[in-house]
Amino acid sequence: MIDRGSHGSVRIIEGAHVGIVGYYDSDEFVTCKDLGEMGLPVPEGAGPRKKVELAIVYLGVPFESEWTLLPYSWLEVYRSEELVKWIAEHRDEAQILGVEERAK
């Protein structure tokens, strides 16, 4: 599990995208009703209007690939050599967007 705000490369360890390396970029609040409609686990005893925070994760290259909302517990810290290469090739974009890679 990752901590909220620990942006960077992650590996998805549960759900439909298990095994995919992505980029955790930001966070978004959704209602429990929306969680259920998305097929994500709803906290026990939570009403439909209760809000839950999820990670916004790009499934590949940051800001260029499809993204999804995932629970933090479904993510683990991961150092992506592909992201290191992308940052090196797109230094200006990476700096403007605040994309950084985790230290080894």
Protein backbone atom coordinates (compact mmCIF):
# COMPACT_ATOMS: atom_id res chain seq x y z
CA MET A 1 0.00 0.00 0.00
CA ILE A 2 1.18 3.51 -0.73
CA ASP A 3 0.54 6.63 1.29
CA ARG A 4 -1.64 9.45 0.00
CA GLY A 5 0.55 12.01 -1.74
CA SER A 6 3.39 9.55 -2.44
CA HIS A 7 3.25 10.35 -6.16
CA GLY A 8 5.38 8.46 -8.65
CA SER A 9 5.61 5.01 -10.18
CA VAL A 10 3.42 2.32 -8.70
CA ARG A 11 2.59 -1.30 -9.41
CA ILE A 12 -1.07 -2.26 -9.22
CA ILE A 13 -1.45 -5.27 -6.93
CA GLU A 14 -5.25 -5.84 -6.97
CA GLY A 15 -8.20 -5.41 -9.28
CA ALA A 16 -8.63 -5.50 -13.05
CA HIS A 17 -5.23 -3.90 -13.76
CA VAL A 18 -3.15 -6.13 -11.46
CA GLY A 19 0.53 -6.28 -12.47
CA ILE A 20 0.47 -3.06 -14.50
CA VAL A 21 3.04 -0.40 -13.69
CA GLY A 22 1.50 3.05 -13.69
CA TYR A 23 2.05 6.59 -12.47
CA TYR A 24 0.22 7.85 -9.37
CA ASP A 25 -0.38 11.50 -10.11
CA SER A 26 -3.10 12.92 -7.90
CA ASP A 27 -6.15 12.18 -5.76
CA GLU A 28 -9.89 12.50 -6.20
CA PHE A 29 -12.90 12.16 -3.90
CA VAL A 30 -15.82 10.00 -5.06
CA THR A 31 -19.02 8.96 -3.32
CA CYS A 32 -19.57 5.41 -2.11
CA LYS A 33 -22.39 5.19 -4.65
CA ASP A 34 -19.85 5.94 -7.40
CA LEU A 35 -17.43 3.38 -5.91
CA GLY A 36 -20.06 0.68 -6.22
CA GLU A 37 -20.86 1.68 -9.80
CA MET A 38 -17.14 1.53 -10.64
CA GLY A 39 -16.91 -1.98 -9.21
CA LEU A 40 -14.57 -0.89 -6.40
CA PRO A 41 -14.97 -2.01 -2.78
CA VAL A 42 -17.30 0.13 -0.67
CA PRO A 43 -16.36 0.61 3.01
CA GLU A 44 -18.59 -1.48 5.26
CA GLY A 45 -21.48 0.50 6.70
CA ALA A 46 -20.82 3.57 4.53
CA GLY A 47 -23.82 5.41 3.13
CA PRO A 48 -24.06 6.22 -0.60
CA ARG A 49 -23.13 9.89 -0.06
CA LYS A 50 -20.00 9.26 2.01
CA LYS A 51 -16.92 10.39 0.11
CA VAL A 52 -13.80 8.29 -0.26
CA GLU A 53 -10.45 9.43 -1.64
CA LEU A 54 -8.81 7.44 -4.44
CA ALA A 55 -5.53 7.68 -6.33
CA ILE A 56 -5.54 8.85 -9.95
CA VAL A 57 -3.21 6.42 -11.73
CA TYR A 58 -2.08 6.65 -15.35
CA LEU A 59 -1.75 3.16 -16.84
CA GLY A 60 1.56 3.78 -18.55
CA VAL A 61 3.12 7.10 -19.53
CA PRO A 62 1.98 10.02 -17.34
CA PHE A 63 -0.58 12.32 -18.97
CA GLU A 64 -0.45 10.40 -22.28
CA SER A 65 -2.15 7.13 -21.38
CA GLU A 66 -5.49 6.04 -19.98
CA TRP A 67 -6.03 6.74 -16.29
CA THR A 68 -8.15 5.15 -13.61
CA LEU A 69 -9.13 5.70 -9.97
CA LEU A 70 -7.84 3.10 -7.52
CA PRO A 71 -7.76 2.57 -3.75
CA TYR A 72 -4.35 3.24 -2.19
CA SER A 73 -4.35 -0.29 -0.79
CA TRP A 74 -4.22 -1.63 -4.37
CA LEU A 75 -0.90 0.11 -5.10
CA GLU A 76 2.71 -0.47 -4.12
CA VAL A 77 5.78 1.70 -4.62
CA TYR A 78 7.71 0.75 -7.74
CA ARG A 79 10.72 2.22 -9.52
CA SER A 80 10.00 2.25 -13.26
CA GLU A 81 12.94 2.32 -15.65
CA GLU A 82 10.45 3.14 -18.41
CA LEU A 83 9.47 6.31 -16.53
CA VAL A 84 13.14 7.22 -16.00
CA LYS A 85 13.61 6.94 -19.78
CA TRP A 86 10.45 8.99 -20.51
CA ILE A 87 11.58 11.75 -18.13
CA ALA A 88 15.02 11.84 -19.81
CA GLU A 89 13.40 12.13 -23.25
CA HIS A 90 10.80 14.72 -22.16
CA ARG A 91 12.66 16.84 -19.59
CA ASP A 92 10.73 20.06 -20.26
CA GLU A 93 7.33 18.38 -20.11
CA ALA A 94 8.30 16.41 -17.01
CA GLN A 95 9.44 19.58 -15.24
CA ILE A 96 6.30 21.54 -16.17
CA LEU A 97 4.03 18.65 -15.10
CA GLY A 98 6.03 17.89 -11.96
CA VAL A 99 6.73 14.29 -12.97
CA GLU A 100 9.55 12.79 -10.93
CA GLU A 101 10.84 9.27 -10.46
CA ARG A 102 11.45 7.64 -7.13
CA ALA A 103 15.00 7.24 -5.87
CA LYS A 104 16.47 3.73 -5.98
